[in-house]
Amino acid sequence: MAKPALPQQCIYAIRCFDGRHYVGSTIRRNERWARHKSDLACGRHENLKLLRAWQKHGADAFEFVVLEEVHDRSVLVAREQHWMDLTECVSKGFNMKPKAENFFGYKHTAETRAKYSASKMGNKSRTGMTNSPEARAKMSAAMKGRVFSAATLERMSAAAKGHKRWVGKRHRAESIAKMSAAKMGSVPVVYERTPEHRAALSKHMSKINTGAGNPNVKITEADVLVIRKRSAEGEKRVSIASDYGISAQAISRIARRTAWASVA
């Protein structure tokens, strides 16, 4: 049986273990609590009283409580004010404004929108901007010879582990479509080796991976001649192998010249 849907339009409280409250109202309960937790965890919450308490006591000291379900949005602010007065959340809690308010349905004036648009013009975030050669040279010189402390390196390593920024996240459908479109028509580069290149590569690999060229080899060419002689005289290969610290199968391959074939 499906669980009943939680109330979304409500008056809520963020309650600390010491009895203090932050009272608010929302039309999207789950999103509002998630936003509060995200802003508090990142240290960017607009309510400094609540933020400092969160940083002092930790997330486990707080809980999200629905105080009242409100079905009529027009009375949402009034009911919020009622609960603010009842819990004394301004004088004894975390709320910083004495009056409840919200901006549901509020529209900025054309003048305000124009000012906001003008403030964003000029690409102030530097997206897509390129530093001048002189600026790049200065930044390069400032970074040269910089040595991070062991503690800093440890923090950087811990922050990078696990790719936390994308754990459990997925690209939006629009992003996936853009990436797919960007890849369309692209042809992967395939490098075709020439016969001369392949022959040279084969010759090189045969030198470093077989016989004395193998870095893991345990015997010498002189040992190979002795092994073949002892094997030809009928000595057991297990006995020979124990003398050189290799397997009986390796002795067999040496005797049959499937290994160390270059040694006459």
Protein backbone atom coordinates (compact mmCIF):
# COMPACT_ATOMS: atom_id res chain seq x y z
CA MET A 1 0.00 0.00 0.00
CA ALA A 2 1.36 3.42 -0.99
CA LYS A 3 2.20 5.79 1.83
CA PRO A 4 -0.07 8.86 2.13
CA ALA A 5 1.42 12.02 0.65
CA LEU A 6 2.91 14.40 3.18
CA PRO A 7 1.35 17.88 3.41
CA GLN A 8 3.15 20.31 1.12
CA GLN A 9 1.45 23.64 1.90
CA CYS A 10 2.01 24.22 5.58
CA ILE A 11 3.44 26.17 8.49
CA TYR A 12 6.64 24.48 9.66
CA ALA A 13 9.25 24.78 12.36
CA ILE A 14 12.92 23.88 12.44
CA ARG A 15 13.27 22.80 16.05
CA CYS A 16 16.55 22.63 17.97
CA PHE A 17 17.07 20.18 20.81
CA ASP A 18 17.23 23.09 23.26
CA GLY A 19 13.65 24.11 22.48
CA ARG A 20 14.29 27.05 20.17
CA HIS A 21 12.36 27.27 16.88
CA TYR A 22 12.58 28.79 13.45
CA VAL A 23 9.04 29.19 12.05
CA GLY A 24 8.26 29.55 8.36
CA SER A 25 5.65 28.82 5.72
CA THR A 26 5.91 27.04 2.39
CA ILE A 27 3.86 25.64 -0.45
CA ARG A 28 6.49 22.97 -1.17
CA ARG A 29 7.36 21.30 2.12
CA ASN A 30 9.98 18.82 0.87
CA GLU A 31 11.80 21.32 -1.32
CA ARG A 32 11.85 23.94 1.45
CA TRP A 33 13.40 21.60 4.03
CA ALA A 34 15.95 20.36 1.49
CA ARG A 35 16.90 23.97 0.68
CA HIS A 36 17.26 24.84 4.37
CA LYS A 37 19.54 21.84 4.97
CA SER A 38 21.64 22.58 1.89
CA ASP A 39 22.14 26.26 2.78
CA LEU A 40 22.92 25.44 6.41
CA ALA A 41 25.38 22.68 5.50
CA CYS A 42 27.16 24.98 3.04
CA GLY A 43 27.27 27.90 5.47
CA ARG A 44 25.26 30.25 3.24
CA HIS A 45 21.91 30.37 5.07
CA GLU A 46 20.46 33.87 5.27
CA ASN A 47 19.43 33.45 8.92
CA LEU A 48 22.66 33.88 10.89
CA LYS A 49 21.12 32.87 14.23
CA LEU A 50 19.96 29.54 12.83
CA LEU A 51 23.21 29.05 10.90
CA ARG A 52 25.42 29.57 13.95
CA ALA A 53 23.33 27.16 16.02
CA TRP A 54 23.51 24.57 13.23
CA GLN A 55 27.29 24.91 13.01
CA LYS A 56 27.63 24.67 16.81
CA HIS A 57 25.33 21.71 17.50
CA GLY A 58 25.33 19.86 14.15
CA ALA A 59 22.51 18.64 11.90
CA ASP A 60 21.43 15.88 14.29
CA ALA A 61 20.35 18.48 16.84
CA PHE A 62 17.55 19.75 14.55
CA GLU A 63 14.27 18.40 13.23
CA PHE A 64 11.70 19.63 10.73
CA VAL A 65 8.16 19.72 12.15
CA VAL A 66 4.88 20.52 10.40
CA LEU A 67 2.93 22.77 12.76
CA GLU A 68 -0.19 23.17 10.66
CA GLU A 69 -1.47 22.16 7.24
CA VAL A 70 -2.88 25.15 5.37
CA HIS A 71 -5.25 24.45 2.50
CA ASP A 72 -6.07 28.07 1.71
CA ARG A 73 -3.00 29.89 0.47
CA SER A 74 -4.54 33.28 1.17
CA VAL A 75 -4.28 32.71 4.95
CA LEU A 76 -0.77 31.23 4.86
CA VAL A 77 0.94 34.40 6.10
CA ALA A 78 -1.64 34.95 8.83
CA ARG A 79 -1.23 31.41 10.14
CA GLU A 80 2.56 31.81 10.05
CA GLN A 81 2.28 34.95 12.15
CA HIS A 82 0.03 33.09 14.60
CA TRP A 83 2.65 30.38 15.12
CA MET A 84 5.48 32.91 15.33
CA ASP A 85 3.65 34.67 18.17
CA LEU A 86 2.75 31.41 19.87
CA THR A 87 6.29 29.99 19.87
CA GLU A 88 7.96 33.37 20.56
CA CYS A 89 10.48 32.40 17.87
CA VAL A 90 11.74 35.99 17.50
CA SER A 91 12.62 36.71 21.12
CA LYS A 92 13.37 33.15 22.17
CA GLY A 93 14.08 31.42 18.88
CA PHE A 94 15.83 31.85 15.56
CA ASN A 95 13.49 34.11 13.55
CA MET A 96 15.02 37.53 12.94
CA LYS A 97 11.97 39.37 11.53
CA PRO A 98 8.95 39.96 13.78
CA LYS A 99 6.43 39.92 10.93
CA ALA A 100 5.60 37.02 8.64
CA GLU A 101 5.80 37.69 4.92
CA ASN A 102 6.19 35.91 1.61
CA PHE A 103 6.46 36.78 -2.07
CA PHE A 104 3.96 34.30 -3.55
CA GLY A 105 2.65 35.80 -6.78
CA TYR A 106 4.77 38.94 -6.43
CA LYS A 107 6.04 40.43 -9.68
CA HIS A 108 8.94 42.87 -9.93
CA THR A 109 8.29 46.15 -11.70
CA ALA A 110 9.68 46.77 -15.19
CA GLU A 111 12.18 49.20 -13.67
CA THR A 112 13.44 46.60 -11.18
CA ARG A 113 13.76 43.97 -13.90
CA ALA A 114 15.69 46.42 -16.09
CA LYS A 115 18.11 47.22 -13.24
CA TYR A 116 18.63 43.52 -12.53
CA SER A 117 19.25 42.80 -16.22
CA ALA A 118 21.75 45.66 -16.49
CA SER A 119 23.63 44.40 -13.42
CA LYS A 120 24.12 41.06 -15.13
CA MET A 121 25.34 42.46 -18.43
CA GLY A 122 29.02 42.50 -19.28
CA ASN A 123 29.63 38.87 -18.38
CA LYS A 124 30.87 39.78 -14.91
CA SER A 125 31.15 36.13 -13.95
CA ARG A 126 33.96 35.92 -16.55
CA THR A 127 32.27 33.00 -18.29
CA GLY A 128 34.03 32.50 -21.60
CA MET A 129 36.53 35.28 -20.94
CA THR A 130 40.23 34.80 -21.71
CA ASN A 131 43.04 36.32 -19.68
CA SER A 132 45.62 38.41 -21.46
CA PRO A 133 49.15 36.99 -21.95
CA GLU A 134 50.42 39.40 -19.30
CA ALA A 135 47.80 38.25 -16.77
CA ARG A 136 48.53 34.58 -17.49
CA ALA A 137 52.26 35.20 -17.04
CA LYS A 138 51.63 36.88 -13.66
CA MET A 139 49.40 34.00 -12.47
CA SER A 140 51.97 31.46 -13.61
CA ALA A 141 54.79 33.25 -11.80
CA ALA A 142 52.70 33.49 -8.63
CA MET A 143 52.07 29.73 -8.62
CA LYS A 144 55.62 28.62 -9.37
CA GLY A 145 57.45 27.15 -6.44
CA ARG A 146 54.28 27.06 -4.32
CA VAL A 147 54.33 24.16 -1.87
CA PHE A 148 51.22 23.00 -0.07
CA SER A 149 51.48 21.81 3.50
CA ALA A 150 50.79 18.18 4.36
CA ALA A 151 47.54 19.17 6.08
CA THR A 152 46.37 21.10 3.01
CA LEU A 153 47.21 18.22 0.69
CA GLU A 154 45.30 15.85 2.95
CA ARG A 155 42.22 18.10 2.90
CA MET A 156 42.39 18.43 -0.89
CA SER A 157 42.67 14.67 -1.26
CA ALA A 158 39.73 14.02 1.07
CA ALA A 159 37.58 16.57 -0.75
CA ALA A 160 38.31 14.99 -4.14
CA LYS A 161 37.62 11.40 -3.12
CA GLY A 162 34.41 9.79 -4.27
CA HIS A 163 33.44 12.55 -6.76
CA LYS A 164 30.91 13.80 -4.21
CA ARG A 165 29.57 16.47 -6.49
CA TRP A 166 27.96 13.93 -8.82
CA VAL A 167 27.15 11.03 -6.49
CA GLY A 168 23.54 10.04 -7.19
CA LYS A 169 23.03 12.89 -9.64
CA ARG A 170 21.92 12.64 -13.26
CA HIS A 171 22.09 15.05 -16.16
CA ARG A 172 18.85 16.73 -17.17
CA ALA A 173 17.19 15.56 -20.38
CA GLU A 174 18.16 18.87 -22.04
CA SER A 175 21.82 18.37 -21.09
CA ILE A 176 21.82 14.80 -22.39
CA ALA A 177 20.29 15.98 -25.67
CA LYS A 178 22.94 18.70 -26.04
CA MET A 179 25.80 16.27 -25.37
CA SER A 180 24.33 13.79 -27.84
CA ALA A 181 24.00 16.48 -30.51
CA ALA A 182 27.58 17.60 -29.94
CA LYS A 183 28.82 14.05 -30.53
CA MET A 184 26.83 13.43 -33.68
CA GLY A 185 28.91 13.27 -36.83
CA SER A 186 32.18 13.02 -34.95
CA VAL A 187 34.51 10.30 -36.24
CA PRO A 188 36.90 8.61 -33.81
CA VAL A 189 40.54 8.88 -34.77
CA VAL A 190 42.01 5.50 -35.70
CA TYR A 191 45.77 5.28 -36.06
CA GLU A 192 46.85 2.67 -38.62
CA ARG A 193 50.35 1.32 -38.16
CA THR A 194 52.48 0.87 -41.25
CA PRO A 195 54.06 -2.55 -41.97
CA GLU A 196 57.47 -1.09 -41.12
CA HIS A 197 56.17 0.21 -37.79
CA ARG A 198 54.60 -3.14 -36.91
CA ALA A 199 57.80 -5.01 -37.79
CA ALA A 200 59.95 -2.68 -35.70
CA LEU A 201 57.52 -2.93 -32.80
CA SER A 202 57.48 -6.73 -32.99
CA LYS A 203 61.28 -6.85 -33.03
CA HIS A 204 61.50 -4.52 -30.06
CA MET A 205 58.94 -6.44 -28.00
CA SER A 206 60.64 -9.76 -28.73
CA LYS A 207 63.85 -8.38 -27.25
CA ILE A 208 62.39 -7.03 -24.04
CA ASN A 209 59.86 -9.79 -23.28
CA THR A 210 61.79 -12.94 -24.09
CA GLY A 211 65.04 -14.48 -22.91
CA ALA A 212 67.57 -12.20 -21.24
CA GLY A 213 65.53 -9.15 -22.33
CA ASN A 214 62.73 -10.06 -19.93
CA PRO A 215 63.13 -7.95 -16.75
CA ASN A 216 61.65 -10.78 -14.66
CA VAL A 217 64.05 -13.49 -15.92
CA LYS A 218 65.62 -15.73 -13.25
CA ILE A 219 68.21 -17.58 -15.35
CA THR A 220 70.96 -16.72 -17.82
CA GLU A 221 71.80 -18.10 -21.24
CA ALA A 222 74.54 -20.20 -19.65
CA ASP A 223 71.95 -21.70 -17.29
CA VAL A 224 69.77 -22.58 -20.30
CA LEU A 225 72.59 -24.64 -21.85
CA VAL A 226 73.18 -26.48 -18.57
CA ILE A 227 69.45 -27.16 -18.14
CA ARG A 228 69.17 -28.64 -21.62
CA LYS A 229 72.20 -30.84 -21.05
CA ARG A 230 70.90 -32.17 -17.72
CA SER A 231 67.46 -32.79 -19.24
CA ALA A 232 69.02 -34.65 -22.21
CA GLU A 233 70.95 -36.87 -19.78
CA GLY A 234 67.64 -37.97 -18.24
CA GLU A 235 67.59 -35.98 -15.01
CA LYS A 236 64.10 -35.29 -13.67
CA ARG A 237 62.83 -31.84 -14.52
CA VAL A 238 61.43 -31.30 -11.02
CA SER A 239 64.95 -31.72 -9.62
CA ILE A 240 66.39 -29.28 -12.15
CA ALA A 241 63.61 -26.77 -11.45
CA SER A 242 64.31 -26.77 -7.71
CA ASP A 243 67.95 -25.82 -8.37
CA TYR A 244 66.98 -22.70 -10.36
CA GLY A 245 63.81 -21.65 -8.54
CA ILE A 246 61.55 -22.02 -11.57
CA SER A 247 58.73 -24.41 -12.42
CA ALA A 248 59.05 -27.85 -14.00
CA GLN A 249 56.89 -26.56 -16.87
CA ALA A 250 59.47 -23.85 -17.55
CA ILE A 251 62.22 -26.53 -17.61
CA SER A 252 60.12 -28.51 -20.09
CA ARG A 253 59.72 -25.53 -22.41
CA ILE A 254 63.45 -24.79 -22.26
CA ALA A 255 64.28 -28.42 -23.06
CA ARG A 256 61.84 -28.45 -26.01
CA ARG A 257 63.21 -25.07 -27.17
CA THR A 258 59.80 -23.39 -27.07
CA ALA A 259 61.42 -21.03 -24.57
CA TRP A 260 64.83 -19.43 -25.01
CA ALA A 261 64.75 -20.56 -28.65
CA SER A 262 67.44 -17.99 -29.54
CA VAL A 263 70.00 -19.88 -27.41
CA ALA A 264 71.67 -22.58 -29.55
